[in-house]
Amino acid sequence: MLVEYKASIDRGDVAELYREGALYERVNKVKPRLLIVGPVIRRRALELARELGVEVRASEVV
């Protein structure tokens, strides 16, 4: 599992974690679960996370 914590999550953060997960899978031959955690996530970032299969833990959507 790859976990990233951000103070505020936007689309770029989700895309970056997804790319890091793809690189990890290429190098280690294991597909990691991806989780991004933060107190606030932007609505468009949440939509992208759902499309890419990235788990999200946030207390507020803005």
N, C-alpha and C. Protein backbone atom coordinates (compact mmCIF):
# COMPACT_ATOMS: atom_id res chain seq x y z
N MET A 1 0.84 -1.17 0.00
CA MET A 1 0.00 0.00 0.00
C MET A 1 0.89 1.23 0.00
N LEU A 2 0.58 2.16 -0.89
CA LEU A 2 1.25 3.46 -0.90
C LEU A 2 0.28 4.48 -0.35
N VAL A 3 0.72 5.25 0.65
CA VAL A 3 -0.12 6.24 1.31
C VAL A 3 0.55 7.60 1.21
N GLU A 4 -0.26 8.61 0.90
CA GLU A 4 0.26 9.96 0.87
C GLU A 4 -0.68 10.84 1.69
N TYR A 5 -0.10 11.73 2.50
CA TYR A 5 -0.88 12.67 3.29
C TYR A 5 -0.65 14.06 2.74
N LYS A 6 -1.75 14.80 2.54
CA LYS A 6 -1.67 16.17 2.05
C LYS A 6 -2.57 17.05 2.92
N ALA A 7 -2.21 18.30 3.07
CA ALA A 7 -3.05 19.24 3.82
C ALA A 7 -4.31 19.58 3.03
N SER A 8 -4.20 19.57 1.70
CA SER A 8 -5.33 19.81 0.81
C SER A 8 -5.07 18.99 -0.45
N ILE A 9 -6.05 18.21 -0.87
CA ILE A 9 -5.86 17.30 -2.00
C ILE A 9 -6.49 17.88 -3.25
N ASP A 10 -5.70 18.02 -4.32
CA ASP A 10 -6.26 18.44 -5.60
C ASP A 10 -5.97 17.39 -6.67
N ARG A 11 -6.42 17.64 -7.90
CA ARG A 11 -6.28 16.65 -8.98
C ARG A 11 -4.82 16.27 -9.22
N GLY A 12 -3.93 17.22 -9.15
CA GLY A 12 -2.51 16.95 -9.38
C GLY A 12 -1.94 15.96 -8.36
N ASP A 13 -2.39 16.07 -7.12
CA ASP A 13 -1.92 15.15 -6.08
C ASP A 13 -2.39 13.72 -6.36
N VAL A 14 -3.63 13.59 -6.80
CA VAL A 14 -4.17 12.26 -7.12
C VAL A 14 -3.42 11.67 -8.31
N ALA A 15 -3.22 12.48 -9.35
CA ALA A 15 -2.51 12.01 -10.54
C ALA A 15 -1.08 11.61 -10.21
N GLU A 16 -0.42 12.37 -9.36
CA GLU A 16 0.96 12.07 -8.97
C GLU A 16 1.04 10.73 -8.22
N LEU A 17 0.13 10.50 -7.29
CA LEU A 17 0.12 9.24 -6.55
C LEU A 17 -0.14 8.07 -7.50
N TYR A 18 -1.03 8.26 -8.45
CA TYR A 18 -1.32 7.21 -9.43
C TYR A 18 -0.07 6.86 -10.25
N ARG A 19 0.66 7.89 -10.69
CA ARG A 19 1.91 7.67 -11.45
C ARG A 19 2.94 6.95 -10.59
N GLU A 20 3.05 7.34 -9.32
CA GLU A 20 3.99 6.67 -8.42
C GLU A 20 3.61 5.20 -8.25
N GLY A 21 2.32 4.92 -8.17
CA GLY A 21 1.86 3.54 -8.07
C GLY A 21 2.19 2.73 -9.31
N ALA A 22 2.06 3.35 -10.49
CA ALA A 22 2.40 2.67 -11.74
C ALA A 22 3.89 2.36 -11.80
N LEU A 23 4.72 3.31 -11.36
CA LEU A 23 6.16 3.09 -11.32
C LEU A 23 6.51 1.97 -10.35
N TYR A 24 5.90 1.97 -9.17
CA TYR A 24 6.13 0.93 -8.18
C TYR A 24 5.78 -0.44 -8.76
N GLU A 25 4.66 -0.50 -9.48
CA GLU A 25 4.24 -1.77 -10.07
C GLU A 25 5.23 -2.25 -11.14
N ARG A 26 5.73 -1.32 -11.96
CA ARG A 26 6.71 -1.69 -12.99
C ARG A 26 7.99 -2.23 -12.38
N VAL A 27 8.47 -1.59 -11.33
CA VAL A 27 9.74 -1.96 -10.72
C VAL A 27 9.63 -3.23 -9.88
N ASN A 28 8.57 -3.33 -9.08
CA ASN A 28 8.46 -4.43 -8.11
C ASN A 28 7.53 -5.56 -8.54
N LYS A 29 6.86 -5.39 -9.66
CA LYS A 29 5.93 -6.42 -10.18
C LYS A 29 4.79 -6.73 -9.21
N VAL A 30 4.41 -5.74 -8.41
CA VAL A 30 3.31 -5.87 -7.47
C VAL A 30 2.45 -4.61 -7.58
N LYS A 31 1.14 -4.80 -7.78
CA LYS A 31 0.25 -3.64 -7.87
C LYS A 31 -0.12 -3.18 -6.45
N PRO A 32 0.27 -1.97 -6.08
CA PRO A 32 -0.04 -1.50 -4.72
C PRO A 32 -1.44 -0.91 -4.62
N ARG A 33 -2.01 -0.97 -3.43
CA ARG A 33 -3.23 -0.19 -3.15
C ARG A 33 -2.77 1.24 -2.95
N LEU A 34 -3.54 2.18 -3.45
CA LEU A 34 -3.19 3.60 -3.35
C LEU A 34 -4.19 4.29 -2.44
N LEU A 35 -3.67 5.06 -1.48
CA LEU A 35 -4.52 5.78 -0.53
C LEU A 35 -3.96 7.19 -0.36
N ILE A 36 -4.86 8.17 -0.49
CA ILE A 36 -4.47 9.55 -0.24
C ILE A 36 -5.34 10.08 0.90
N VAL A 37 -4.71 10.73 1.86
CA VAL A 37 -5.38 11.15 3.10
C VAL A 37 -5.17 12.65 3.29
N GLY A 38 -6.22 13.32 3.73
CA GLY A 38 -6.10 14.74 4.04
C GLY A 38 -7.41 15.27 4.57
N PRO A 39 -7.40 16.41 5.22
CA PRO A 39 -8.63 16.96 5.78
C PRO A 39 -9.59 17.51 4.72
N VAL A 40 -9.05 17.95 3.58
CA VAL A 40 -9.88 18.58 2.55
C VAL A 40 -9.51 18.03 1.18
N ILE A 41 -10.54 17.72 0.36
CA ILE A 41 -10.30 17.30 -1.03
C ILE A 41 -11.23 18.09 -1.94
N ARG A 42 -10.71 18.49 -3.07
CA ARG A 42 -11.53 19.19 -4.06
C ARG A 42 -12.40 18.17 -4.79
N ARG A 43 -13.58 18.60 -5.17
CA ARG A 43 -14.56 17.71 -5.80
C ARG A 43 -14.00 17.04 -7.05
N ARG A 44 -13.30 17.78 -7.90
CA ARG A 44 -12.75 17.22 -9.13
C ARG A 44 -11.65 16.20 -8.83
N ALA A 45 -10.92 16.42 -7.75
CA ALA A 45 -9.89 15.45 -7.34
C ALA A 45 -10.55 14.16 -6.87
N LEU A 46 -11.66 14.27 -6.18
CA LEU A 46 -12.39 13.09 -5.72
C LEU A 46 -12.91 12.29 -6.92
N GLU A 47 -13.43 12.98 -7.92
CA GLU A 47 -13.91 12.31 -9.13
C GLU A 47 -12.77 11.56 -9.83
N LEU A 48 -11.60 12.20 -9.94
CA LEU A 48 -10.45 11.57 -10.58
C LEU A 48 -10.00 10.36 -9.78
N ALA A 49 -9.98 10.48 -8.47
CA ALA A 49 -9.56 9.36 -7.62
C ALA A 49 -10.48 8.16 -7.84
N ARG A 50 -11.76 8.41 -7.95
CA ARG A 50 -12.71 7.31 -8.19
C ARG A 50 -12.44 6.66 -9.55
N GLU A 51 -12.17 7.46 -10.57
CA GLU A 51 -11.88 6.93 -11.90
C GLU A 51 -10.62 6.07 -11.91
N LEU A 52 -9.61 6.49 -11.16
CA LEU A 52 -8.32 5.81 -11.17
C LEU A 52 -8.21 4.69 -10.13
N GLY A 53 -9.20 4.59 -9.26
CA GLY A 53 -9.16 3.54 -8.24
C GLY A 53 -8.29 3.88 -7.04
N VAL A 54 -8.11 5.16 -6.78
CA VAL A 54 -7.33 5.62 -5.63
C VAL A 54 -8.29 5.80 -4.45
N GLU A 55 -7.99 5.17 -3.32
CA GLU A 55 -8.81 5.34 -2.13
C GLU A 55 -8.57 6.72 -1.53
N VAL A 56 -9.62 7.31 -0.96
CA VAL A 56 -9.53 8.65 -0.39
C VAL A 56 -10.09 8.64 1.02
N ARG A 57 -9.40 9.30 1.92
CA ARG A 57 -9.89 9.54 3.28
C ARG A 57 -9.78 11.04 3.52
N ALA A 58 -10.92 11.71 3.52
CA ALA A 58 -10.95 13.16 3.75
C ALA A 58 -12.23 13.48 4.50
N SER A 59 -12.18 14.52 5.31
CA SER A 59 -13.36 14.86 6.11
C SER A 59 -14.25 15.88 5.42
N GLU A 60 -13.73 16.58 4.41
CA GLU A 60 -14.53 17.62 3.76
C GLU A 60 -14.24 17.65 2.27
N VAL A 61 -15.30 17.81 1.47
CA VAL A 61 -15.18 17.97 0.02
C VAL A 61 -15.56 19.40 -0.31
N VAL A 62 -14.66 20.09 -1.02
CA VAL A 62 -14.93 21.49 -1.41
C VAL A 62 -14.94 21.64 -2.90
